[in-house]
Amino acid sequence: MTVYDKVRPFSLLLGIALTVIGIIFLAAPDRVTEFLAIFVGAVITVIGVFRIITVALGWKTILNRGLLLAFGIIMTGIGVFMLFNPEATIAMVGAIIGILAIMLAIDRFITANRLKKTTNVTPTIISGLIHLAFGMGMIYSAIVVFSIIIVLIGIYLLISGVMFALSALFFQDF
């Protein structure tokens, strides 16, 4: 059994999940915006509080405890800020997803380069270009227009999910 055969079911499941999430983003953008603002702010707040508690409990044994404590305090402050400023939260989430999309584009291009002697890499390159376009669009939108971000994320997740599923079923390019 090849590595491809081992990851194929996971890749297909991921593709289906991303497609469903993309549809949800497109169908209910207002609710998604509310959920993301609360969820991301809460997660970052919990991470910050967890870091503060961890440093406090291991104060005598943890190296760089001052830096780690500062990190925890900063994370907690950012999380609380995000909870009470949903527009800023959505802008940050859009930018982070945009960066992730660009990183996935780079992965696709590296994969295409690696596989160019053994298989047709056109679908991989097209996938990379789509990731790159959406990543740049989301980062631009995050800076300029908050309301477009949710729709862009939904479209990106929908297309990304379909691309994952197609890769798992037909292209074998991961």
C-alpha atoms as a PDB file:
ATOM      1  CA  MET A   1       0.000   0.000   0.000  1.00  0.00           C
ATOM      2  CA  THR A   2       1.474   3.340  -1.054  1.00  0.00           C
ATOM      3  CA  VAL A   3       1.458   6.526   0.981  1.00  0.00           C
ATOM      4  CA  TYR A   4      -1.125   7.881  -1.434  1.00  0.00           C
ATOM      5  CA  ASP A   5      -3.455   4.958  -0.726  1.00  0.00           C
ATOM      6  CA  LYS A   6      -3.085   5.543   3.018  1.00  0.00           C
ATOM      7  CA  VAL A   7      -3.998   9.251   2.920  1.00  0.00           C
ATOM      8  CA  ARG A   8      -6.620   9.051   0.186  1.00  0.00           C
ATOM      9  CA  PRO A   9      -9.645   8.513   2.513  1.00  0.00           C
ATOM     10  CA  PHE A  10      -8.523  11.365   4.781  1.00  0.00           C
ATOM     11  CA  SER A  11      -8.037  13.665   1.812  1.00  0.00           C
ATOM     12  CA  LEU A  12     -11.481  12.804   0.467  1.00  0.00           C
ATOM     13  CA  LEU A  13     -13.077  13.385   3.886  1.00  0.00           C
ATOM     14  CA  LEU A  14     -11.235  16.703   4.205  1.00  0.00           C
ATOM     15  CA  GLY A  15     -12.461  17.732   0.760  1.00  0.00           C
ATOM     16  CA  ILE A  16     -16.064  16.938   1.651  1.00  0.00           C
ATOM     17  CA  ALA A  17     -15.763  18.750   5.008  1.00  0.00           C
ATOM     18  CA  LEU A  18     -14.276  21.876   3.396  1.00  0.00           C
ATOM     19  CA  THR A  19     -17.024  21.866   0.763  1.00  0.00           C
ATOM     20  CA  VAL A  20     -19.754  21.673   3.426  1.00  0.00           C
ATOM     21  CA  ILE A  21     -18.125  24.429   5.494  1.00  0.00           C
ATOM     22  CA  GLY A  22     -17.832  26.569   2.354  1.00  0.00           C
ATOM     23  CA  ILE A  23     -21.539  26.125   1.657  1.00  0.00           C
ATOM     24  CA  ILE A  24     -22.351  27.131   5.252  1.00  0.00           C
ATOM     25  CA  PHE A  25     -20.181  30.260   4.884  1.00  0.00           C
ATOM     26  CA  LEU A  26     -22.032  31.196   1.704  1.00  0.00           C
ATOM     27  CA  ALA A  27     -25.513  30.394   3.034  1.00  0.00           C
ATOM     28  CA  ALA A  28     -25.288  32.205   6.395  1.00  0.00           C
ATOM     29  CA  PRO A  29     -22.487  34.800   6.335  1.00  0.00           C
ATOM     30  CA  ASP A  30     -23.921  36.895   9.187  1.00  0.00           C
ATOM     31  CA  ARG A  31     -24.062  33.937  11.554  1.00  0.00           C
ATOM     32  CA  VAL A  32     -20.613  32.796  10.483  1.00  0.00           C
ATOM     33  CA  THR A  33     -19.252  36.272  11.196  1.00  0.00           C
ATOM     34  CA  GLU A  34     -20.733  36.227  14.691  1.00  0.00           C
ATOM     35  CA  PHE A  35     -19.499  32.711  15.352  1.00  0.00           C
ATOM     36  CA  LEU A  36     -15.966  33.433  14.107  1.00  0.00           C
ATOM     37  CA  ALA A  37     -15.672  36.601  16.164  1.00  0.00           C
ATOM     38  CA  ILE A  38     -16.715  34.806  19.328  1.00  0.00           C
ATOM     39  CA  PHE A  39     -14.879  31.548  18.632  1.00  0.00           C
ATOM     40  CA  VAL A  40     -11.528  33.019  17.582  1.00  0.00           C
ATOM     41  CA  GLY A  41     -11.543  35.563  20.401  1.00  0.00           C
ATOM     42  CA  ALA A  42     -12.437  32.877  22.929  1.00  0.00           C
ATOM     43  CA  VAL A  43      -9.769  30.464  21.674  1.00  0.00           C
ATOM     44  CA  ILE A  44      -7.039  33.092  21.800  1.00  0.00           C
ATOM     45  CA  THR A  45      -8.181  34.192  25.276  1.00  0.00           C
ATOM     46  CA  VAL A  46      -8.091  30.577  26.505  1.00  0.00           C
ATOM     47  CA  ILE A  47      -4.612  30.062  25.021  1.00  0.00           C
ATOM     48  CA  GLY A  48      -3.383  33.207  26.783  1.00  0.00           C
ATOM     49  CA  VAL A  49      -4.919  32.246  30.131  1.00  0.00           C
ATOM     50  CA  PHE A  50      -3.546  28.714  29.784  1.00  0.00           C
ATOM     51  CA  ARG A  51      -0.057  30.122  29.159  1.00  0.00           C
ATOM     52  CA  ILE A  52      -0.316  32.428  32.182  1.00  0.00           C
ATOM     53  CA  ILE A  53      -1.409  29.542  34.432  1.00  0.00           C
ATOM     54  CA  THR A  54       1.292  27.235  33.072  1.00  0.00           C
ATOM     55  CA  VAL A  55       4.010  29.806  33.728  1.00  0.00           C
ATOM     56  CA  ALA A  56       2.633  30.628  37.171  1.00  0.00           C
ATOM     57  CA  LEU A  57       2.528  26.951  38.208  1.00  0.00           C
ATOM     58  CA  GLY A  58       6.048  26.254  36.966  1.00  0.00           C
ATOM     59  CA  TRP A  59       7.586  29.640  37.750  1.00  0.00           C
ATOM     60  CA  LYS A  60      10.740  28.232  39.378  1.00  0.00           C
ATOM     61  CA  THR A  61      11.487  25.640  36.708  1.00  0.00           C
ATOM     62  CA  ILE A  62      10.451  27.237  33.409  1.00  0.00           C
ATOM     63  CA  LEU A  63      13.161  28.892  31.354  1.00  0.00           C
ATOM     64  CA  ASN A  64      12.271  32.236  29.747  1.00  0.00           C
ATOM     65  CA  ARG A  65       9.319  32.534  32.124  1.00  0.00           C
ATOM     66  CA  GLY A  66       9.121  36.316  31.811  1.00  0.00           C
ATOM     67  CA  LEU A  67       8.852  36.099  28.037  1.00  0.00           C
ATOM     68  CA  LEU A  68       6.289  33.288  28.258  1.00  0.00           C
ATOM     69  CA  LEU A  69       4.271  35.197  30.850  1.00  0.00           C
ATOM     70  CA  ALA A  70       4.303  38.288  28.629  1.00  0.00           C
ATOM     71  CA  PHE A  71       3.169  36.126  25.717  1.00  0.00           C
ATOM     72  CA  GLY A  72       0.264  34.818  27.813  1.00  0.00           C
ATOM     73  CA  ILE A  73      -0.775  38.304  28.895  1.00  0.00           C
ATOM     74  CA  ILE A  74      -0.572  39.631  25.328  1.00  0.00           C
ATOM     75  CA  MET A  75      -2.564  36.666  23.973  1.00  0.00           C
ATOM     76  CA  THR A  76      -5.230  37.156  26.638  1.00  0.00           C
ATOM     77  CA  GLY A  77      -5.469  40.861  25.818  1.00  0.00           C
ATOM     78  CA  ILE A  78      -5.730  40.174  22.081  1.00  0.00           C
ATOM     79  CA  GLY A  79      -8.397  37.535  22.694  1.00  0.00           C
ATOM     80  CA  VAL A  80     -10.512  39.842  24.848  1.00  0.00           C
ATOM     81  CA  PHE A  81     -10.107  42.640  22.288  1.00  0.00           C
ATOM     82  CA  MET A  82     -11.254  40.279  19.528  1.00  0.00           C
ATOM     83  CA  LEU A  83     -14.302  39.201  21.532  1.00  0.00           C
ATOM     84  CA  PHE A  84     -15.519  42.798  21.767  1.00  0.00           C
ATOM     85  CA  ASN A  85     -14.464  43.962  18.273  1.00  0.00           C
ATOM     86  CA  PRO A  86     -15.915  41.527  15.737  1.00  0.00           C
ATOM     87  CA  GLU A  87     -14.961  43.596  12.679  1.00  0.00           C
ATOM     88  CA  ALA A  88     -11.300  43.529  13.661  1.00  0.00           C
ATOM     89  CA  THR A  89     -11.585  39.824  14.398  1.00  0.00           C
ATOM     90  CA  ILE A  90     -12.986  39.062  10.973  1.00  0.00           C
ATOM     91  CA  ALA A  91     -10.258  41.144   9.335  1.00  0.00           C
ATOM     92  CA  MET A  92      -7.606  39.178  11.207  1.00  0.00           C
ATOM     93  CA  VAL A  93      -9.225  35.829  10.419  1.00  0.00           C
ATOM     94  CA  GLY A  94      -9.449  36.761   6.746  1.00  0.00           C
ATOM     95  CA  ALA A  95      -5.787  37.748   6.680  1.00  0.00           C
ATOM     96  CA  ILE A  96      -4.744  34.546   8.470  1.00  0.00           C
ATOM     97  CA  ILE A  97      -6.764  32.380   6.080  1.00  0.00           C
ATOM     98  CA  GLY A  98      -5.311  34.385   3.193  1.00  0.00           C
ATOM     99  CA  ILE A  99      -1.791  33.627   4.423  1.00  0.00           C
ATOM    100  CA  LEU A 100      -2.739  29.957   4.818  1.00  0.00           C
ATOM    101  CA  ALA A 101      -4.083  29.911   1.251  1.00  0.00           C
ATOM    102  CA  ILE A 102      -0.811  31.398  -0.043  1.00  0.00           C
ATOM    103  CA  MET A 103       1.152  28.790   1.922  1.00  0.00           C
ATOM    104  CA  LEU A 104      -1.006  26.061   0.341  1.00  0.00           C
ATOM    105  CA  ALA A 105      -0.305  27.604  -3.074  1.00  0.00           C
ATOM    106  CA  ILE A 106       3.422  27.396  -2.407  1.00  0.00           C
ATOM    107  CA  ASP A 107       2.953  23.758  -1.343  1.00  0.00           C
ATOM    108  CA  ARG A 108       1.126  23.016  -4.607  1.00  0.00           C
ATOM    109  CA  PHE A 109       3.880  24.646  -6.669  1.00  0.00           C
ATOM    110  CA  ILE A 110       6.600  22.729  -4.806  1.00  0.00           C
ATOM    111  CA  THR A 111       4.617  19.513  -5.286  1.00  0.00           C
ATOM    112  CA  ALA A 112       4.214  20.226  -9.002  1.00  0.00           C
ATOM    113  CA  ASN A 113       7.953  20.810  -9.305  1.00  0.00           C
ATOM    114  CA  ARG A 114       8.669  17.576  -7.441  1.00  0.00           C
ATOM    115  CA  LEU A 115       6.266  15.506  -9.575  1.00  0.00           C
ATOM    116  CA  LYS A 116       6.833  17.137 -12.971  1.00  0.00           C
ATOM    117  CA  LYS A 117       8.927  14.244 -14.298  1.00  0.00           C
ATOM    118  CA  THR A 118       6.520  11.512 -13.213  1.00  0.00           C
ATOM    119  CA  THR A 119       2.988  12.794 -13.834  1.00  0.00           C
ATOM    120  CA  ASN A 120       0.869  15.524 -15.398  1.00  0.00           C
ATOM    121  CA  VAL A 121       1.153  18.449 -12.962  1.00  0.00           C
ATOM    122  CA  THR A 122      -1.343  20.770 -14.669  1.00  0.00           C
ATOM    123  CA  PRO A 123      -4.101  20.120 -12.084  1.00  0.00           C
ATOM    124  CA  THR A 124      -1.600  20.755  -9.277  1.00  0.00           C
ATOM    125  CA  ILE A 125      -0.474  24.041 -10.823  1.00  0.00           C
ATOM    126  CA  ILE A 126      -4.089  25.129 -11.388  1.00  0.00           C
ATOM    127  CA  SER A 127      -4.834  24.279  -7.745  1.00  0.00           C
ATOM    128  CA  GLY A 128      -1.841  26.371  -6.666  1.00  0.00           C
ATOM    129  CA  LEU A 129      -2.967  29.323  -8.775  1.00  0.00           C
ATOM    130  CA  ILE A 130      -6.478  29.156  -7.293  1.00  0.00           C
ATOM    131  CA  HIS A 131      -5.052  29.036  -3.746  1.00  0.00           C
ATOM    132  CA  LEU A 132      -2.778  31.975  -4.567  1.00  0.00           C
ATOM    133  CA  ALA A 133      -5.586  34.081  -6.072  1.00  0.00           C
ATOM    134  CA  PHE A 134      -7.906  33.502  -3.125  1.00  0.00           C
ATOM    135  CA  GLY A 135      -5.122  34.112  -0.616  1.00  0.00           C
ATOM    136  CA  MET A 136      -4.209  37.437  -2.169  1.00  0.00           C
ATOM    137  CA  GLY A 137      -7.873  38.388  -2.491  1.00  0.00           C
ATOM    138  CA  MET A 138      -8.596  37.570   1.152  1.00  0.00           C
ATOM    139  CA  ILE A 139      -5.619  39.548   2.420  1.00  0.00           C
ATOM    140  CA  TYR A 140      -6.612  42.509   0.258  1.00  0.00           C
ATOM    141  CA  SER A 141     -10.232  42.243   1.397  1.00  0.00           C
ATOM    142  CA  ALA A 142      -9.192  41.950   5.037  1.00  0.00           C
ATOM    143  CA  ILE A 143      -7.540  45.324   4.763  1.00  0.00           C
ATOM    144  CA  VAL A 144     -10.165  47.050   2.595  1.00  0.00           C
ATOM    145  CA  VAL A 145     -13.638  45.561   3.057  1.00  0.00           C
ATOM    146  CA  PHE A 146     -14.738  43.449   6.029  1.00  0.00           C
ATOM    147  CA  SER A 147     -18.052  42.279   4.600  1.00  0.00           C
ATOM    148  CA  ILE A 148     -16.499  40.529   1.593  1.00  0.00           C
ATOM    149  CA  ILE A 149     -14.260  38.312   3.700  1.00  0.00           C
ATOM    150  CA  ILE A 150     -16.876  35.764   4.731  1.00  0.00           C
ATOM    151  CA  VAL A 151     -18.062  35.281   1.154  1.00  0.00           C
ATOM    152  CA  LEU A 152     -14.468  34.916  -0.079  1.00  0.00           C
ATOM    153  CA  ILE A 153     -13.706  32.395   2.643  1.00  0.00           C
ATOM    154  CA  GLY A 154     -16.853  30.453   1.759  1.00  0.00           C
ATOM    155  CA  ILE A 155     -15.993  30.370  -1.951  1.00  0.00           C
ATOM    156  CA  TYR A 156     -12.398  29.427  -1.166  1.00  0.00           C
ATOM    157  CA  LEU A 157     -13.402  26.610   1.201  1.00  0.00           C
ATOM    158  CA  LEU A 158     -15.955  25.306  -1.282  1.00  0.00           C
ATOM    159  CA  ILE A 159     -13.459  25.238  -4.157  1.00  0.00           C
ATOM    160  CA  SER A 160     -10.652  23.986  -1.929  1.00  0.00           C
ATOM    161  CA  GLY A 161     -12.872  21.147  -0.734  1.00  0.00           C
ATOM    162  CA  VAL A 162     -13.727  20.156  -4.286  1.00  0.00           C
ATOM    163  CA  MET A 163     -10.020  20.302  -5.223  1.00  0.00           C
ATOM    164  CA  PHE A 164      -9.089  18.051  -2.263  1.00  0.00           C
ATOM    165  CA  ALA A 165     -11.794  15.562  -3.217  1.00  0.00           C
ATOM    166  CA  LEU A 166     -10.734  15.574  -6.884  1.00  0.00           C
ATOM    167  CA  SER A 167      -7.105  15.114  -5.885  1.00  0.00           C
ATOM    168  CA  ALA A 168      -8.059  12.165  -3.698  1.00  0.00           C
ATOM    169  CA  LEU A 169     -10.215  10.548  -6.375  1.00  0.00           C
ATOM    170  CA  PHE A 170      -8.400  11.276  -9.633  1.00  0.00           C
ATOM    171  CA  PHE A 171      -5.147  13.219  -9.640  1.00  0.00           C
ATOM    172  CA  GLN A 172      -3.034  11.545  -6.929  1.00  0.00           C
ATOM    173  CA  ASP A 173      -0.956  14.712  -6.584  1.00  0.00           C
ATOM    174  CA  PHE A 174      -0.256  14.993  -2.865  1.00  0.00           C
END
